[in-house]
Amino acid sequence: MKLIINGESKEFEEAKTLQNILNELSLDGKVMAAAVNMEIVKQNNWSTYTLKDNDKLELLDFVAGG
């Protein structure tokens, strides 16, 4: 399965949930917001949201600044 994550193409062996991808990429706890194909996925749905081949993910982390 191919996914585009923050503009970068990545290959995975099988269909996975959004939470599985975050865990596999060691991003669990670091990502604050996620969008799949330009639609926000609520954090409480990440463990059940199944990704499809060629989905485009945008994973965002909020950074404090000033």
PDB file of N, CA and C in Angstrom:
ATOM      1  N   MET A   1       0.845  -1.165   0.000  1.00  0.00           N
ATOM      2  CA  MET A   1       0.000   0.000   0.000  1.00  0.00           C
ATOM      3  C   MET A   1       0.898   1.238   0.000  1.00  0.00           C
ATOM      4  N   LYS A   2       0.627   2.176  -0.869  1.00  0.00           N
ATOM      5  CA  LYS A   2       1.393   3.414  -0.963  1.00  0.00           C
ATOM      6  C   LYS A   2       0.586   4.545  -0.339  1.00  0.00           C
ATOM      7  N   LEU A   3       1.246   5.336   0.510  1.00  0.00           N
ATOM      8  CA  LEU A   3       0.651   6.527   1.106  1.00  0.00           C
ATOM      9  C   LEU A   3       1.562   7.708   0.853  1.00  0.00           C
ATOM     10  N   ILE A   4       0.980   8.871   0.714  1.00  0.00           N
ATOM     11  CA  ILE A   4       1.737  10.109   0.611  1.00  0.00           C
ATOM     12  C   ILE A   4       1.588  10.804   1.960  1.00  0.00           C
ATOM     13  N   ILE A   5       2.690  10.911   2.713  1.00  0.00           N
ATOM     14  CA  ILE A   5       2.648  11.478   4.051  1.00  0.00           C
ATOM     15  C   ILE A   5       3.458  12.761   4.059  1.00  0.00           C
ATOM     16  N   ASN A   6       2.755  13.873   4.268  1.00  0.00           N
ATOM     17  CA  ASN A   6       3.379  15.207   4.236  1.00  0.00           C
ATOM     18  C   ASN A   6       4.215  15.385   2.969  1.00  0.00           C
ATOM     19  N   GLY A   7       3.674  14.930   1.853  1.00  0.00           N
ATOM     20  CA  GLY A   7       4.310  15.108   0.555  1.00  0.00           C
ATOM     21  C   GLY A   7       5.324  14.052   0.179  1.00  0.00           C
ATOM     22  N   GLU A   8       5.597  13.102   1.075  1.00  0.00           N
ATOM     23  CA  GLU A   8       6.602  12.070   0.821  1.00  0.00           C
ATOM     24  C   GLU A   8       5.933  10.706   0.651  1.00  0.00           C
ATOM     25  N   SER A   9       6.270  10.013  -0.425  1.00  0.00           N
ATOM     26  CA  SER A   9       5.699   8.698  -0.709  1.00  0.00           C
ATOM     27  C   SER A   9       6.321   7.641   0.199  1.00  0.00           C
ATOM     28  N   LYS A  10       5.459   6.822   0.819  1.00  0.00           N
ATOM     29  CA  LYS A  10       5.933   5.729   1.678  1.00  0.00           C
ATOM     30  C   LYS A  10       5.134   4.472   1.341  1.00  0.00           C
ATOM     31  N   GLU A  11       5.812   3.333   1.417  1.00  0.00           N
ATOM     32  CA  GLU A  11       5.187   2.032   1.133  1.00  0.00           C
ATOM     33  C   GLU A  11       4.976   1.255   2.424  1.00  0.00           C
ATOM     34  N   PHE A  12       3.825   0.610   2.525  1.00  0.00           N
ATOM     35  CA  PHE A  12       3.497  -0.238   3.664  1.00  0.00           C
ATOM     36  C   PHE A  12       2.998  -1.572   3.128  1.00  0.00           C
ATOM     37  N   GLU A  13       3.187  -2.638   3.906  1.00  0.00           N
ATOM     38  CA  GLU A  13       2.856  -3.982   3.449  1.00  0.00           C
ATOM     39  C   GLU A  13       1.370  -4.235   3.289  1.00  0.00           C
ATOM     40  N   GLU A  14       0.541  -3.608   4.116  1.00  0.00           N
ATOM     41  CA  GLU A  14      -0.893  -3.899   4.086  1.00  0.00           C
ATOM     42  C   GLU A  14      -1.681  -2.674   4.525  1.00  0.00           C
ATOM     43  N   ALA A  15      -2.983  -2.742   4.361  1.00  0.00           N
ATOM     44  CA  ALA A  15      -3.850  -1.658   4.806  1.00  0.00           C
ATOM     45  C   ALA A  15      -3.734  -1.520   6.319  1.00  0.00           C
ATOM     46  N   LYS A  16      -3.729  -0.290   6.770  1.00  0.00           N
ATOM     47  CA  LYS A  16      -3.560  -0.015   8.190  1.00  0.00           C
ATOM     48  C   LYS A  16      -4.480   1.132   8.604  1.00  0.00           C
ATOM     49  N   THR A  17      -4.687   1.232   9.908  1.00  0.00           N
ATOM     50  CA  THR A  17      -5.420   2.378  10.420  1.00  0.00           C
ATOM     51  C   THR A  17      -4.454   3.560  10.551  1.00  0.00           C
ATOM     52  N   LEU A  18      -5.013   4.719  10.691  1.00  0.00           N
ATOM     53  CA  LEU A  18      -4.203   5.918  10.881  1.00  0.00           C
ATOM     54  C   LEU A  18      -3.331   5.767  12.128  1.00  0.00           C
ATOM     55  N   GLN A  19      -3.889   5.210  13.199  1.00  0.00           N
ATOM     56  CA  GLN A  19      -3.110   5.007  14.429  1.00  0.00           C
ATOM     57  C   GLN A  19      -1.952   4.032  14.197  1.00  0.00           C
ATOM     58  N   ASN A  20      -2.175   2.960  13.424  1.00  0.00           N
ATOM     59  CA  ASN A  20      -1.102   2.016  13.108  1.00  0.00           C
ATOM     60  C   ASN A  20       0.063   2.722  12.411  1.00  0.00           C
ATOM     61  N   ILE A  21      -0.256   3.610  11.485  1.00  0.00           N
ATOM     62  CA  ILE A  21       0.779   4.345  10.741  1.00  0.00           C
ATOM     63  C   ILE A  21       1.574   5.232  11.697  1.00  0.00           C
ATOM     64  N   LEU A  22       0.874   5.952  12.567  1.00  0.00           N
ATOM     65  CA  LEU A  22       1.570   6.816  13.528  1.00  0.00           C
ATOM     66  C   LEU A  22       2.498   5.999  14.419  1.00  0.00           C
ATOM     67  N   ASN A  23       2.031   4.846  14.867  1.00  0.00           N
ATOM     68  CA  ASN A  23       2.869   3.982  15.702  1.00  0.00           C
ATOM     69  C   ASN A  23       4.083   3.493  14.920  1.00  0.00           C
ATOM     70  N   GLU A  24       3.854   3.043  13.685  1.00  0.00           N
ATOM     71  CA  GLU A  24       4.941   2.503  12.861  1.00  0.00           C
ATOM     72  C   GLU A  24       6.002   3.555  12.554  1.00  0.00           C
ATOM     73  N   LEU A  25       5.582   4.805  12.417  1.00  0.00           N
ATOM     74  CA  LEU A  25       6.505   5.897  12.118  1.00  0.00           C
ATOM     75  C   LEU A  25       7.048   6.563  13.393  1.00  0.00           C
ATOM     76  N   SER A  26       6.733   5.994  14.554  1.00  0.00           N
ATOM     77  CA  SER A  26       7.158   6.539  15.858  1.00  0.00           C
ATOM     78  C   SER A  26       6.677   7.971  16.058  1.00  0.00           C
ATOM     79  N   LEU A  27       5.456   8.244  15.620  1.00  0.00           N
ATOM     80  CA  LEU A  27       4.876   9.579  15.756  1.00  0.00           C
ATOM     81  C   LEU A  27       3.733   9.631  16.759  1.00  0.00           C
ATOM     82  N   ASP A  28       3.421   8.501  17.386  1.00  0.00           N
ATOM     83  CA  ASP A  28       2.338   8.464  18.358  1.00  0.00           C
ATOM     84  C   ASP A  28       2.646   9.439  19.494  1.00  0.00           C
ATOM     85  N   GLY A  29       1.713  10.311  19.793  1.00  0.00           N
ATOM     86  CA  GLY A  29       1.908  11.309  20.835  1.00  0.00           C
ATOM     87  C   GLY A  29       2.533  12.596  20.341  1.00  0.00           C
ATOM     88  N   LYS A  30       3.063  12.596  19.115  1.00  0.00           N
ATOM     89  CA  LYS A  30       3.697  13.793  18.560  1.00  0.00           C
ATOM     90  C   LYS A  30       2.780  14.529  17.587  1.00  0.00           C
ATOM     91  N   VAL A  31       1.860  13.818  16.977  1.00  0.00           N
ATOM     92  CA  VAL A  31       0.953  14.414  15.999  1.00  0.00           C
ATOM     93  C   VAL A  31      -0.288  14.920  16.726  1.00  0.00           C
ATOM     94  N   MET A  32      -0.658  16.166  16.466  1.00  0.00           N
ATOM     95  CA  MET A  32      -1.811  16.763  17.126  1.00  0.00           C
ATOM     96  C   MET A  32      -3.040  16.803  16.225  1.00  0.00           C
ATOM     97  N   ALA A  33      -2.829  16.778  14.910  1.00  0.00           N
ATOM     98  CA  ALA A  33      -3.940  16.827  13.968  1.00  0.00           C
ATOM     99  C   ALA A  33      -3.559  16.037  12.723  1.00  0.00           C
ATOM    100  N   ALA A  34      -4.574  15.418  12.117  1.00  0.00           N
ATOM    101  CA  ALA A  34      -4.326  14.629  10.915  1.00  0.00           C
ATOM    102  C   ALA A  34      -5.447  14.867   9.912  1.00  0.00           C
ATOM    103  N   ALA A  35      -5.050  14.962   8.656  1.00  0.00           N
ATOM    104  CA  ALA A  35      -6.012  15.080   7.563  1.00  0.00           C
ATOM    105  C   ALA A  35      -5.692  13.998   6.537  1.00  0.00           C
ATOM    106  N   VAL A  36      -6.734  13.369   6.022  1.00  0.00           N
ATOM    107  CA  VAL A  36      -6.588  12.369   4.970  1.00  0.00           C
ATOM    108  C   VAL A  36      -7.341  12.905   3.762  1.00  0.00           C
ATOM    109  N   ASN A  37      -6.621  13.057   2.661  1.00  0.00           N
ATOM    110  CA  ASN A  37      -7.205  13.600   1.437  1.00  0.00           C
ATOM    111  C   ASN A  37      -7.921  14.922   1.711  1.00  0.00           C
ATOM    112  N   MET A  38      -7.250  15.779   2.497  1.00  0.00           N
ATOM    113  CA  MET A  38      -7.700  17.141   2.811  1.00  0.00           C
ATOM    114  C   MET A  38      -8.920  17.195   3.737  1.00  0.00           C
ATOM    115  N   GLU A  39      -9.262  16.092   4.389  1.00  0.00           N
ATOM    116  CA  GLU A  39     -10.358  16.087   5.353  1.00  0.00           C
ATOM    117  C   GLU A  39      -9.815  15.718   6.726  1.00  0.00           C
ATOM    118  N   ILE A  40     -10.113  16.549   7.714  1.00  0.00           N
ATOM    119  CA  ILE A  40      -9.640  16.314   9.080  1.00  0.00           C
ATOM    120  C   ILE A  40     -10.258  15.028   9.622  1.00  0.00           C
ATOM    121  N   VAL A  41      -9.416  14.229  10.277  1.00  0.00           N
ATOM    122  CA  VAL A  41      -9.886  13.027  10.967  1.00  0.00           C
ATOM    123  C   VAL A  41      -9.726  13.297  12.456  1.00  0.00           C
ATOM    124  N   LYS A  42     -10.832  13.243  13.196  1.00  0.00           N
ATOM    125  CA  LYS A  42     -10.778  13.502  14.632  1.00  0.00           C
ATOM    126  C   LYS A  42      -9.914  12.462  15.323  1.00  0.00           C
ATOM    127  N   GLN A  43      -9.169  12.912  16.318  1.00  0.00           N
ATOM    128  CA  GLN A  43      -8.206  12.053  16.999  1.00  0.00           C
ATOM    129  C   GLN A  43      -8.852  10.805  17.605  1.00  0.00           C
ATOM    130  N   ASN A  44     -10.083  10.901  18.085  1.00  0.00           N
ATOM    131  CA  ASN A  44     -10.727   9.724  18.664  1.00  0.00           C
ATOM    132  C   ASN A  44     -11.138   8.700  17.604  1.00  0.00           C
ATOM    133  N   ASN A  45     -10.976   9.025  16.320  1.00  0.00           N
ATOM    134  CA  ASN A  45     -11.273   8.083  15.233  1.00  0.00           C
ATOM    135  C   ASN A  45     -10.022   7.478  14.609  1.00  0.00           C
ATOM    136  N   TRP A  46      -8.844   7.886  15.035  1.00  0.00           N
ATOM    137  CA  TRP A  46      -7.603   7.426  14.410  1.00  0.00           C
ATOM    138  C   TRP A  46      -7.445   5.910  14.484  1.00  0.00           C
ATOM    139  N   SER A  47      -7.873   5.293  15.569  1.00  0.00           N
ATOM    140  CA  SER A  47      -7.674   3.843  15.725  1.00  0.00           C
ATOM    141  C   SER A  47      -8.625   3.021  14.858  1.00  0.00           C
ATOM    142  N   THR A  48      -9.675   3.640  14.329  1.00  0.00           N
ATOM    143  CA  THR A  48     -10.630   2.905  13.493  1.00  0.00           C
ATOM    144  C   THR A  48     -10.636   3.375  12.040  1.00  0.00           C
ATOM    145  N   TYR A  49      -9.933   4.459  11.742  1.00  0.00           N
ATOM    146  CA  TYR A  49      -9.918   5.016  10.375  1.00  0.00           C
ATOM    147  C   TYR A  49      -8.931   4.218   9.525  1.00  0.00           C
ATOM    148  N   THR A  50      -9.460   3.411   8.607  1.00  0.00           N
ATOM    149  CA  THR A  50      -8.621   2.576   7.747  1.00  0.00           C
ATOM    150  C   THR A  50      -8.207   3.360   6.508  1.00  0.00           C
ATOM    151  N   LEU A  51      -6.916   3.380   6.265  1.00  0.00           N
ATOM    152  CA  LEU A  51      -6.365   4.087   5.106  1.00  0.00           C
ATOM    153  C   LEU A  51      -6.431   3.209   3.864  1.00  0.00           C
ATOM    154  N   LYS A  52      -6.483   3.862   2.700  1.00  0.00           N
ATOM    155  CA  LYS A  52      -6.534   3.155   1.420  1.00  0.00           C
ATOM    156  C   LYS A  52      -5.303   3.513   0.592  1.00  0.00           C
ATOM    157  N   ASP A  53      -4.995   2.664  -0.364  1.00  0.00           N
ATOM    158  CA  ASP A  53      -3.870   2.889  -1.258  1.00  0.00           C
ATOM    159  C   ASP A  53      -3.968   4.280  -1.889  1.00  0.00           C
ATOM    160  N   ASN A  54      -2.852   4.984  -1.896  1.00  0.00           N
ATOM    161  CA  ASN A  54      -2.717   6.323  -2.478  1.00  0.00           C
ATOM    162  C   ASN A  54      -3.380   7.436  -1.679  1.00  0.00           C
ATOM    163  N   ASP A  55      -3.807   7.164  -0.440  1.00  0.00           N
ATOM    164  CA  ASP A  55      -4.320   8.241   0.400  1.00  0.00           C
ATOM    165  C   ASP A  55      -3.201   9.241   0.659  1.00  0.00           C
ATOM    166  N   LYS A  56      -3.599  10.510   0.822  1.00  0.00           N
ATOM    167  CA  LYS A  56      -2.648  11.581   1.113  1.00  0.00           C
ATOM    168  C   LYS A  56      -2.887  12.043   2.544  1.00  0.00           C
ATOM    169  N   LEU A  57      -1.864  11.867   3.387  1.00  0.00           N
ATOM    170  CA  LEU A  57      -1.950  12.247   4.791  1.00  0.00           C
ATOM    171  C   LEU A  57      -1.162  13.512   5.043  1.00  0.00           C
ATOM    172  N   GLU A  58      -1.742  14.388   5.831  1.00  0.00           N
ATOM    173  CA  GLU A  58      -1.029  15.550   6.350  1.00  0.00           C
ATOM    174  C   GLU A  58      -1.070  15.401   7.855  1.00  0.00           C
ATOM    175  N   LEU A  59       0.100  15.285   8.462  1.00  0.00           N
ATOM    176  CA  LEU A  59       0.221  15.126   9.905  1.00  0.00           C
ATOM    177  C   LEU A  59       0.830  16.389  10.478  1.00  0.00           C
ATOM    178  N   LEU A  60       0.128  16.992  11.431  1.00  0.00           N
ATOM    179  CA  LEU A  60       0.540  18.294  11.954  1.00  0.00           C
ATOM    180  C   LEU A  60       0.858  18.234  13.430  1.00  0.00           C
ATOM    181  N   ASP A  61       1.871  18.996  13.807  1.00  0.00           N
ATOM    182  CA  ASP A  61       2.270  19.150  15.195  1.00  0.00           C
ATOM    183  C   ASP A  61       2.242  20.648  15.482  1.00  0.00           C
ATOM    184  N   PHE A  62       1.654  21.028  16.603  1.00  0.00           N
ATOM    185  CA  PHE A  62       1.602  22.443  16.952  1.00  0.00           C
ATOM    186  C   PHE A  62       2.858  22.828  17.718  1.00  0.00           C
ATOM    187  N   VAL A  63       3.467  23.917  17.276  1.00  0.00           N
ATOM    188  CA  VAL A  63       4.717  24.391  17.883  1.00  0.00           C
ATOM    189  C   VAL A  63       4.461  25.780  18.464  1.00  0.00           C
ATOM    190  N   ALA A  64       4.845  25.956  19.705  1.00  0.00           N
ATOM    191  CA  ALA A  64       4.704  27.278  20.331  1.00  0.00           C
ATOM    192  C   ALA A  64       5.787  28.208  19.809  1.00  0.00           C
ATOM    193  N   GLY A  65       5.442  29.437  19.692  1.00  0.00           N
ATOM    194  CA  GLY A  65       6.418  30.402  19.218  1.00  0.00           C
ATOM    195  C   GLY A  65       5.923  31.808  19.491  1.00  0.00           C
ATOM    196  N   GLY A  66       6.733  32.749  19.111  1.00  0.00           N
ATOM    197  CA  GLY A  66       6.272  34.090  19.378  1.00  0.00           C
ATOM    198  C   GLY A  66       7.059  35.124  18.710  1.00  0.00           C
TER     199      GLY A  66
END
